[in-house]
Amino acid sequence: LDAARAAAPRRHREVRVEAEPAPVPGEAVDDTLRLYFLCAHPS
């Protein structure tokens, strides 16, 4: 259940991503990238 809850936002994002990744100038940094940085914790 924990894994399914964690995967739901990612699946939602994947549905929104177009089949061919196009440049998106100035796109705001979303929570996913922040989570990447937070999980790369100095400890």
All heavy atoms as atom14 arrays in JSON, in Angstrom:
{
  "sequence": "LDAARAAAPRRHREVRVEAEPAPVPGEAVDDTLRLYFLCAHPS",
  "atom14_mask": [
    [1, 1, 1, 1, 1, 1, 1, 1, 0, 0, 0, 0, 0, 0],
    [1, 1, 1, 1, 1, 1, 1, 1, 0, 0, 0, 0, 0, 0],
    [1, 1, 1, 1, 1, 0, 0, 0, 0, 0, 0, 0, 0, 0],
    [1, 1, 1, 1, 1, 0, 0, 0, 0, 0, 0, 0, 0, 0],
    [1, 1, 1, 1, 1, 1, 1, 1, 1, 1, 1, 0, 0, 0],
    [1, 1, 1, 1, 1, 0, 0, 0, 0, 0, 0, 0, 0, 0],
    [1, 1, 1, 1, 1, 0, 0, 0, 0, 0, 0, 0, 0, 0],
    [1, 1, 1, 1, 1, 0, 0, 0, 0, 0, 0, 0, 0, 0],
    [1, 1, 1, 1, 1, 1, 1, 0, 0, 0, 0, 0, 0, 0],
    [1, 1, 1, 1, 1, 1, 1, 1, 1, 1, 1, 0, 0, 0],
    [1, 1, 1, 1, 1, 1, 1, 1, 1, 1, 1, 0, 0, 0],
    [1, 1, 1, 1, 1, 1, 1, 1, 1, 1, 0, 0, 0, 0],
    [1, 1, 1, 1, 1, 1, 1, 1, 1, 1, 1, 0, 0, 0],
    [1, 1, 1, 1, 1, 1, 1, 1, 1, 0, 0, 0, 0, 0],
    [1, 1, 1, 1, 1, 1, 1, 0, 0, 0, 0, 0, 0, 0],
    [1, 1, 1, 1, 1, 1, 1, 1, 1, 1, 1, 0, 0, 0],
    [1, 1, 1, 1, 1, 1, 1, 0, 0, 0, 0, 0, 0, 0],
    [1, 1, 1, 1, 1, 1, 1, 1, 1, 0, 0, 0, 0, 0],
    [1, 1, 1, 1, 1, 0, 0, 0, 0, 0, 0, 0, 0, 0],
    [1, 1, 1, 1, 1, 1, 1, 1, 1, 0, 0, 0, 0, 0],
    [1, 1, 1, 1, 1, 1, 1, 0, 0, 0, 0, 0, 0, 0],
    [1, 1, 1, 1, 1, 0, 0, 0, 0, 0, 0, 0, 0, 0],
    [1, 1, 1, 1, 1, 1, 1, 0, 0, 0, 0, 0, 0, 0],
    [1, 1, 1, 1, 1, 1, 1, 0, 0, 0, 0, 0, 0, 0],
    [1, 1, 1, 1, 1, 1, 1, 0, 0, 0, 0, 0, 0, 0],
    [1, 1, 1, 1, 0, 0, 0, 0, 0, 0, 0, 0, 0, 0],
    [1, 1, 1, 1, 1, 1, 1, 1, 1, 0, 0, 0, 0, 0],
    [1, 1, 1, 1, 1, 0, 0, 0, 0, 0, 0, 0, 0, 0],
    [1, 1, 1, 1, 1, 1, 1, 0, 0, 0, 0, 0, 0, 0],
    [1, 1, 1, 1, 1, 1, 1, 1, 0, 0, 0, 0, 0, 0],
    [1, 1, 1, 1, 1, 1, 1, 1, 0, 0, 0, 0, 0, 0],
    [1, 1, 1, 1, 1, 1, 1, 0, 0, 0, 0, 0, 0, 0],
    [1, 1, 1, 1, 1, 1, 1, 1, 0, 0, 0, 0, 0, 0],
    [1, 1, 1, 1, 1, 1, 1, 1, 1, 1, 1, 0, 0, 0],
    [1, 1, 1, 1, 1, 1, 1, 1, 0, 0, 0, 0, 0, 0],
    [1, 1, 1, 1, 1, 1, 1, 1, 1, 1, 1, 1, 0, 0],
    [1, 1, 1, 1, 1, 1, 1, 1, 1, 1, 1, 0, 0, 0],
    [1, 1, 1, 1, 1, 1, 1, 1, 0, 0, 0, 0, 0, 0],
    [1, 1, 1, 1, 1, 1, 0, 0, 0, 0, 0, 0, 0, 0],
    [1, 1, 1, 1, 1, 0, 0, 0, 0, 0, 0, 0, 0, 0],
    [1, 1, 1, 1, 1, 1, 1, 1, 1, 1, 0, 0, 0, 0],
    [1, 1, 1, 1, 1, 1, 1, 0, 0, 0, 0, 0, 0, 0],
    [1, 1, 1, 1, 1, 1, 0, 0, 0, 0, 0, 0, 0, 0]
  ],
  "atom14_positions": [
    [[0.83, -1.21, 0.0], [0.0, 0.0, 0.0], [0.87, 1.26, 0.0], [0.56, 2.23, -0.71], [-0.92, 0.0, 1.21], [-2.02, -1.07, 1.23], [-2.81, -1.0, 2.52], [-2.95, -0.92, 0.02], [0.0, 0.0, 0.0], [0.0, 0.0, 0.0], [0.0, 0.0, 0.0], [0.0, 0.0, 0.0], [0.0, 0.0, 0.0], [0.0, 0.0, 0.0]],
    [[1.95, 1.25, 0.77], [2.85, 2.41, 0.8], [3.44, 2.66, -0.58], [3.53, 3.8, -1.06], [3.98, 2.18, 1.8], [3.49, 2.24, 3.24], [2.36, 2.73, 3.47], [4.24, 1.78, 4.13], [0.0, 0.0, 0.0], [0.0, 0.0, 0.0], [0.0, 0.0, 0.0], [0.0, 0.0, 0.0], [0.0, 0.0, 0.0], [0.0, 0.0, 0.0]],
    [[3.86, 1.57, -1.26], [4.46, 1.71, -2.59], [3.42, 2.2, -3.6], [3.72, 3.03, -4.47], [5.04, 0.37, -3.05], [0.0, 0.0, 0.0], [0.0, 0.0, 0.0], [0.0, 0.0, 0.0], [0.0, 0.0, 0.0], [0.0, 0.0, 0.0], [0.0, 0.0, 0.0], [0.0, 0.0, 0.0], [0.0, 0.0, 0.0], [0.0, 0.0, 0.0]],
    [[2.18, 1.69, -3.48], [1.13, 2.1, -4.41], [0.81, 3.58, -4.24], [0.62, 4.31, -5.23], [-0.12, 1.26, -4.19], [0.0, 0.0, 0.0], [0.0, 0.0, 0.0], [0.0, 0.0, 0.0], [0.0, 0.0, 0.0], [0.0, 0.0, 0.0], [0.0, 0.0, 0.0], [0.0, 0.0, 0.0], [0.0, 0.0, 0.0], [0.0, 0.0, 0.0]],
    [[0.76, 4.04, -2.99], [0.49, 5.47, -2.75], [1.63, 6.33, -3.29], [1.4, 7.4, -3.85], [0.31, 5.72, -1.26], [-0.93, 5.07, -0.66], [-1.15, 5.54, 0.77], [-2.19, 4.75, 1.43], [-1.94, 3.78, 2.3], [-0.7, 3.5, 2.64], [-2.93, 3.11, 2.85], [0.0, 0.0, 0.0], [0.0, 0.0, 0.0], [0.0, 0.0, 0.0]],
    [[2.87, 5.87, -3.12], [4.01, 6.65, -3.61], [4.06, 6.67, -5.13], [4.49, 7.65, -5.73], [5.31, 6.05, -3.06], [0.0, 0.0, 0.0], [0.0, 0.0, 0.0], [0.0, 0.0, 0.0], [0.0, 0.0, 0.0], [0.0, 0.0, 0.0], [0.0, 0.0, 0.0], [0.0, 0.0, 0.0], [0.0, 0.0, 0.0], [0.0, 0.0, 0.0]],
    [[3.58, 5.58, -5.76], [3.66, 5.51, -7.22], [2.56, 6.29, -7.91], [2.7, 6.67, -9.07], [3.6, 4.04, -7.66], [0.0, 0.0, 0.0], [0.0, 0.0, 0.0], [0.0, 0.0, 0.0], [0.0, 0.0, 0.0], [0.0, 0.0, 0.0], [0.0, 0.0, 0.0], [0.0, 0.0, 0.0], [0.0, 0.0, 0.0], [0.0, 0.0, 0.0]],
    [[1.45, 6.54, -7.21], [0.31, 7.2, -7.85], [0.66, 8.56, -8.44], [0.33, 8.86, -9.59], [-0.85, 7.31, -6.87], [0.0, 0.0, 0.0], [0.0, 0.0, 0.0], [0.0, 0.0, 0.0], [0.0, 0.0, 0.0], [0.0, 0.0, 0.0], [0.0, 0.0, 0.0], [0.0, 0.0, 0.0], [0.0, 0.0, 0.0], [0.0, 0.0, 0.0]],
    [[1.36, 9.46, -7.69], [1.69, 10.75, -8.29], [2.59, 10.61, -9.51], [2.46, 11.35, -10.48], [2.41, 11.48, -7.15], [1.94, 10.82, -5.91], [1.75, 9.39, -6.28], [0.0, 0.0, 0.0], [0.0, 0.0, 0.0], [0.0, 0.0, 0.0], [0.0, 0.0, 0.0], [0.0, 0.0, 0.0], [0.0, 0.0, 0.0], [0.0, 0.0, 0.0]],
    [[3.54, 9.64, -9.46], [4.42, 9.46, -10.6], [3.64, 9.0, -11.83], [3.86, 9.48, -12.94], [5.51, 8.44, -10.26], [6.4, 8.1, -11.45], [7.5, 7.15, -11.07], [7.02, 5.89, -10.52], [6.52, 4.91, -11.26], [6.46, 5.05, -12.57], [6.11, 3.79, -10.71], [0.0, 0.0, 0.0], [0.0, 0.0, 0.0], [0.0, 0.0, 0.0]],
    [[2.7, 8.06, -11.62], [1.91, 7.59, -12.77], [1.1, 8.74, -13.36], [0.93, 8.85, -14.57], [1.0, 6.45, -12.33], [1.73, 5.14, -12.09], [0.74, 3.98, -12.07], [-0.23, 4.13, -11.02], [-0.08, 3.62, -9.8], [1.02, 2.99, -9.48], [-1.03, 3.78, -8.89], [0.0, 0.0, 0.0], [0.0, 0.0, 0.0], [0.0, 0.0, 0.0]],
    [[0.57, 9.6, -12.47], [-0.2, 10.74, -12.96], [0.66, 11.66, -13.81], [0.23, 12.15, -14.85], [-0.78, 11.51, -11.77], [-1.57, 12.72, -12.16], [-2.76, 12.65, -12.85], [-1.31, 14.05, -11.98], [-3.21, 13.89, -13.07], [-2.34, 14.74, -12.55], [0.0, 0.0, 0.0], [0.0, 0.0, 0.0], [0.0, 0.0, 0.0], [0.0, 0.0, 0.0]],
    [[1.91, 11.9, -13.36], [2.8, 12.75, -14.14], [3.12, 12.12, -15.48], [3.2, 12.79, -16.5], [4.09, 13.0, -13.35], [3.94, 13.92, -12.17], [5.29, 14.35, -11.65], [6.07, 13.21, -11.21], [6.04, 12.72, -9.97], [5.24, 13.26, -9.08], [6.79, 11.7, -9.63], [0.0, 0.0, 0.0], [0.0, 0.0, 0.0], [0.0, 0.0, 0.0]],
    [[3.34, 10.8, -15.5], [3.7, 10.13, -16.75], [2.58, 10.24, -17.78], [2.82, 10.37, -18.98], [4.02, 8.65, -16.5], [5.33, 8.46, -15.75], [5.55, 7.02, -15.36], [4.61, 6.21, -15.49], [6.66, 6.72, -14.91], [0.0, 0.0, 0.0], [0.0, 0.0, 0.0], [0.0, 0.0, 0.0], [0.0, 0.0, 0.0], [0.0, 0.0, 0.0]],
    [[1.33, 10.19, -17.3], [0.21, 10.34, -18.22], [0.22, 11.71, -18.87], [-0.11, 11.88, -20.05], [-1.12, 10.09, -17.47], [-2.31, 10.5, -18.34], [-1.24, 8.63, -17.08], [0.0, 0.0, 0.0], [0.0, 0.0, 0.0], [0.0, 0.0, 0.0], [0.0, 0.0, 0.0], [0.0, 0.0, 0.0], [0.0, 0.0, 0.0], [0.0, 0.0, 0.0]],
    [[0.66, 12.73, -18.09], [0.67, 14.09, -18.61], [1.84, 14.37, -19.55], [1.8, 15.31, -20.32], [0.72, 15.09, -17.45], [-0.54, 15.1, -16.61], [-0.54, 16.25, -15.62], [0.43, 16.05, -14.55], [1.55, 16.72, -14.44], [1.89, 17.62, -15.34], [2.37, 16.51, -13.42], [0.0, 0.0, 0.0], [0.0, 0.0, 0.0], [0.0, 0.0, 0.0]],
    [[2.9, 13.56, -19.46], [4.07, 13.82, -20.29], [3.81, 13.36, -21.72], [3.31, 12.25, -21.93], [5.3, 13.09, -19.71], [6.49, 13.22, -20.66], [5.66, 13.66, -18.36], [0.0, 0.0, 0.0], [0.0, 0.0, 0.0], [0.0, 0.0, 0.0], [0.0, 0.0, 0.0], [0.0, 0.0, 0.0], [0.0, 0.0, 0.0], [0.0, 0.0, 0.0]],
    [[4.11, 14.16, -22.68], [3.91, 13.79, -24.07], [4.88, 12.69, -24.46], [5.94, 12.52, -23.87], [4.11, 15.0, -24.98], [3.08, 16.08, -24.78], [3.29, 17.25, -25.72], [4.3, 17.24, -26.44], [2.47, 18.16, -25.7], [0.0, 0.0, 0.0], [0.0, 0.0, 0.0], [0.0, 0.0, 0.0], [0.0, 0.0, 0.0], [0.0, 0.0, 0.0]],
    [[4.54, 11.96, -25.54], [5.37, 10.84, -25.97], [6.76, 11.29, -26.37], [7.72, 10.55, -26.25], [4.7, 10.12, -27.15], [0.0, 0.0, 0.0], [0.0, 0.0, 0.0], [0.0, 0.0, 0.0], [0.0, 0.0, 0.0], [0.0, 0.0, 0.0], [0.0, 0.0, 0.0], [0.0, 0.0, 0.0], [0.0, 0.0, 0.0], [0.0, 0.0, 0.0]],
    [[6.89, 12.5, -26.86], [8.2, 13.03, -27.27], [8.51, 14.23, -26.4], [7.8, 15.23, -26.42], [8.16, 13.45, -28.74], [9.49, 13.93, -29.28], [9.34, 14.29, -30.74], [9.21, 13.37, -31.55], [9.34, 15.48, -31.06], [0.0, 0.0, 0.0], [0.0, 0.0, 0.0], [0.0, 0.0, 0.0], [0.0, 0.0, 0.0], [0.0, 0.0, 0.0]],
    [[9.6, 14.14, -25.61], [9.87, 15.23, -24.67], [10.35, 16.48, -25.38], [11.41, 16.49, -25.99], [10.98, 14.66, -23.78], [11.64, 13.65, -24.65], [10.57, 13.08, -25.54], [0.0, 0.0, 0.0], [0.0, 0.0, 0.0], [0.0, 0.0, 0.0], [0.0, 0.0, 0.0], [0.0, 0.0, 0.0], [0.0, 0.0, 0.0], [0.0, 0.0, 0.0]],
    [[9.58, 17.55, -25.32], [9.94, 18.81, -25.98], [10.46, 19.8, -24.95], [10.1, 19.72, -23.77], [8.71, 19.4, -26.68], [0.0, 0.0, 0.0], [0.0, 0.0, 0.0], [0.0, 0.0, 0.0], [0.0, 0.0, 0.0], [0.0, 0.0, 0.0], [0.0, 0.0, 0.0], [0.0, 0.0, 0.0], [0.0, 0.0, 0.0], [0.0, 0.0, 0.0]],
    [[11.29, 20.74, -25.38], [11.79, 21.74, -24.44], [10.65, 22.56, -23.84], [9.68, 22.88, -24.52], [12.68, 22.63, -25.31], [13.0, 21.81, -26.52], [11.82, 20.92, -26.73], [0.0, 0.0, 0.0], [0.0, 0.0, 0.0], [0.0, 0.0, 0.0], [0.0, 0.0, 0.0], [0.0, 0.0, 0.0], [0.0, 0.0, 0.0], [0.0, 0.0, 0.0]],
    [[10.77, 22.86, -22.56], [9.75, 23.67, -21.89], [10.48, 24.8, -21.17], [10.76, 24.7, -19.97], [8.92, 22.83, -20.9], [7.76, 23.66, -20.35], [8.41, 21.57, -21.54], [0.0, 0.0, 0.0], [0.0, 0.0, 0.0], [0.0, 0.0, 0.0], [0.0, 0.0, 0.0], [0.0, 0.0, 0.0], [0.0, 0.0, 0.0], [0.0, 0.0, 0.0]],
    [[10.85, 25.87, -21.87], [11.62, 26.95, -21.25], [10.9, 27.54, -20.05], [9.7, 27.8, -20.08], [11.76, 27.98, -22.37], [11.52, 27.21, -23.63], [10.53, 26.14, -23.27], [0.0, 0.0, 0.0], [0.0, 0.0, 0.0], [0.0, 0.0, 0.0], [0.0, 0.0, 0.0], [0.0, 0.0, 0.0], [0.0, 0.0, 0.0], [0.0, 0.0, 0.0]],
    [[11.64, 27.72, -18.99], [11.09, 28.41, -17.83], [10.13, 27.59, -17.0], [9.46, 28.12, -16.13], [0.0, 0.0, 0.0], [0.0, 0.0, 0.0], [0.0, 0.0, 0.0], [0.0, 0.0, 0.0], [0.0, 0.0, 0.0], [0.0, 0.0, 0.0], [0.0, 0.0, 0.0], [0.0, 0.0, 0.0], [0.0, 0.0, 0.0], [0.0, 0.0, 0.0]],
    [[10.04, 26.28, -17.24], [9.11, 25.45, -16.48], [9.5, 25.45, -15.0], [10.67, 25.34, -14.64], [9.14, 24.01, -17.02], [8.14, 23.08, -16.33], [8.23, 21.67, -16.87], [9.14, 21.39, -17.64], [7.36, 20.87, -16.51], [0.0, 0.0, 0.0], [0.0, 0.0, 0.0], [0.0, 0.0, 0.0], [0.0, 0.0, 0.0], [0.0, 0.0, 0.0]],
    [[8.54, 25.59, -14.13], [8.84, 25.63, -12.7], [9.33, 24.27, -12.22], [8.93, 23.24, -12.74], [7.59, 26.02, -11.93], [0.0, 0.0, 0.0], [0.0, 0.0, 0.0], [0.0, 0.0, 0.0], [0.0, 0.0, 0.0], [0.0, 0.0, 0.0], [0.0, 0.0, 0.0], [0.0, 0.0, 0.0], [0.0, 0.0, 0.0], [0.0, 0.0, 0.0]],
    [[10.19, 24.28, -11.23], [10.68, 23.04, -10.65], [9.59, 22.45, -9.77], [9.11, 23.11, -8.86], [11.95, 23.32, -9.82], [12.44, 22.03, -9.17], [13.03, 23.92, -10.7], [0.0, 0.0, 0.0], [0.0, 0.0, 0.0], [0.0, 0.0, 0.0], [0.0, 0.0, 0.0], [0.0, 0.0, 0.0], [0.0, 0.0, 0.0], [0.0, 0.0, 0.0]],
    [[9.19, 21.22, -10.05], [8.08, 20.65, -9.28], [8.6, 19.87, -8.09], [9.79, 19.77, -7.83], [7.18, 19.81, -10.19], [7.87, 18.54, -10.7], [8.95, 18.2, -10.17], [7.33, 17.9, -11.6], [0.0, 0.0, 0.0], [0.0, 0.0, 0.0], [0.0, 0.0, 0.0], [0.0, 0.0, 0.0], [0.0, 0.0, 0.0], [0.0, 0.0, 0.0]],
    [[7.67, 19.29, -7.34], [8.04, 18.61, -6.11], [8.9, 17.38, -6.35], [9.66, 16.98, -5.46], [6.77, 18.19, -5.35], [6.05, 19.39, -4.74], [6.72, 20.43, -4.56], [4.85, 19.27, -4.45], [0.0, 0.0, 0.0], [0.0, 0.0, 0.0], [0.0, 0.0, 0.0], [0.0, 0.0, 0.0], [0.0, 0.0, 0.0], [0.0, 0.0, 0.0]],
    [[8.78, 16.76, -7.52], [9.56, 15.56, -7.78], [11.05, 15.84, -7.71], [11.81, 15.11, -7.06], [9.21, 14.99, -9.17], [7.81, 14.79, -9.25], [9.92, 13.67, -9.4], [0.0, 0.0, 0.0], [0.0, 0.0, 0.0], [0.0, 0.0, 0.0], [0.0, 0.0, 0.0], [0.0, 0.0, 0.0], [0.0, 0.0, 0.0], [0.0, 0.0, 0.0]],
    [[11.49, 16.91, -8.37], [12.91, 17.24, -8.35], [13.36, 17.6, -6.94], [14.48, 17.26, -6.52], [13.19, 18.38, -9.32], [14.67, 18.65, -9.64], [15.35, 17.38, -10.14], [14.8, 19.75, -10.67], [0.0, 0.0, 0.0], [0.0, 0.0, 0.0], [0.0, 0.0, 0.0], [0.0, 0.0, 0.0], [0.0, 0.0, 0.0], [0.0, 0.0, 0.0]],
    [[12.51, 18.28, -6.19], [12.86, 18.6, -4.8], [13.03, 17.32, -3.98], [13.93, 17.21, -3.13], [11.77, 19.48, -4.17], [11.7, 20.88, -4.76], [10.82, 21.78, -3.92], [10.71, 23.12, -4.51], [9.76, 23.5, -5.34], [8.8, 22.66, -5.68], [9.75, 24.74, -5.82], [0.0, 0.0, 0.0], [0.0, 0.0, 0.0], [0.0, 0.0, 0.0]],
    [[12.16, 16.33, -4.23], [12.29, 15.06, -3.52], [13.59, 14.36, -3.87], [14.23, 13.73, -3.01], [11.1, 14.15, -3.86], [9.76, 14.52, -3.22], [8.65, 13.65, -3.79], [9.83, 14.38, -1.71], [0.0, 0.0, 0.0], [0.0, 0.0, 0.0], [0.0, 0.0, 0.0], [0.0, 0.0, 0.0], [0.0, 0.0, 0.0], [0.0, 0.0, 0.0]],
    [[14.03, 14.47, -5.14], [15.31, 13.88, -5.53], [16.43, 14.47, -4.69], [17.31, 13.75, -4.2], [15.58, 14.14, -7.01], [15.01, 13.1, -7.94], [13.63, 12.94, -8.09], [15.84, 12.29, -8.7], [13.11, 12.0, -8.95], [15.32, 11.33, -9.56], [13.96, 11.19, -9.69], [13.44, 10.24, -10.53], [0.0, 0.0, 0.0], [0.0, 0.0, 0.0]],
    [[16.39, 15.79, -4.52], [17.44, 16.44, -3.73], [17.35, 16.09, -2.25], [18.36, 15.89, -1.58], [17.37, 17.96, -3.91], [18.15, 18.46, -5.09], [17.53, 18.65, -6.32], [19.51, 18.7, -4.98], [18.25, 19.09, -7.41], [20.24, 19.15, -6.07], [19.62, 19.35, -7.29], [0.0, 0.0, 0.0], [0.0, 0.0, 0.0], [0.0, 0.0, 0.0]],
    [[16.14, 16.0, -1.73], [15.98, 15.69, -0.32], [16.42, 14.27, 0.0], [17.01, 14.01, 1.06], [14.52, 15.89, 0.1], [14.06, 17.36, 0.16], [12.55, 17.42, 0.37], [14.78, 18.1, 1.28], [0.0, 0.0, 0.0], [0.0, 0.0, 0.0], [0.0, 0.0, 0.0], [0.0, 0.0, 0.0], [0.0, 0.0, 0.0], [0.0, 0.0, 0.0]],
    [[16.15, 13.33, -0.91], [16.58, 11.95, -0.67], [18.1, 11.81, -0.77], [18.67, 10.86, -0.23], [15.9, 10.99, -1.67], [14.19, 10.62, -1.26], [0.0, 0.0, 0.0], [0.0, 0.0, 0.0], [0.0, 0.0, 0.0], [0.0, 0.0, 0.0], [0.0, 0.0, 0.0], [0.0, 0.0, 0.0], [0.0, 0.0, 0.0], [0.0, 0.0, 0.0]],
    [[18.74, 12.72, -1.49], [20.21, 12.72, -1.56], [20.76, 13.43, -0.33], [21.53, 14.38, -0.42], [20.67, 13.4, -2.84], [0.0, 0.0, 0.0], [0.0, 0.0, 0.0], [0.0, 0.0, 0.0], [0.0, 0.0, 0.0], [0.0, 0.0, 0.0], [0.0, 0.0, 0.0], [0.0, 0.0, 0.0], [0.0, 0.0, 0.0], [0.0, 0.0, 0.0]],
    [[20.34, 12.98, 0.85], [20.64, 13.67, 2.11], [22.12, 13.51, 2.48], [22.7, 12.44, 2.25], [19.76, 13.1, 3.23], [19.69, 13.96, 4.44], [20.6, 13.86, 5.47], [18.82, 14.94, 4.8], [20.29, 14.74, 6.41], [19.22, 15.4, 6.03], [0.0, 0.0, 0.0], [0.0, 0.0, 0.0], [0.0, 0.0, 0.0], [0.0, 0.0, 0.0]],
    [[22.74, 14.55, 3.06], [24.16, 14.46, 3.42], [24.49, 13.34, 4.41], [25.64, 12.91, 4.48], [24.44, 15.84, 4.05], [23.41, 16.74, 3.48], [22.19, 15.9, 3.29], [0.0, 0.0, 0.0], [0.0, 0.0, 0.0], [0.0, 0.0, 0.0], [0.0, 0.0, 0.0], [0.0, 0.0, 0.0], [0.0, 0.0, 0.0], [0.0, 0.0, 0.0]],
    [[23.5, 12.86, 5.15], [23.77, 11.79, 6.11], [23.93, 10.43, 5.44], [24.35, 9.46, 6.08], [22.64, 11.7, 7.14], [21.41, 11.36, 6.52], [0.0, 0.0, 0.0], [0.0, 0.0, 0.0], [0.0, 0.0, 0.0], [0.0, 0.0, 0.0], [0.0, 0.0, 0.0], [0.0, 0.0, 0.0], [0.0, 0.0, 0.0], [0.0, 0.0, 0.0]]
  ]
}
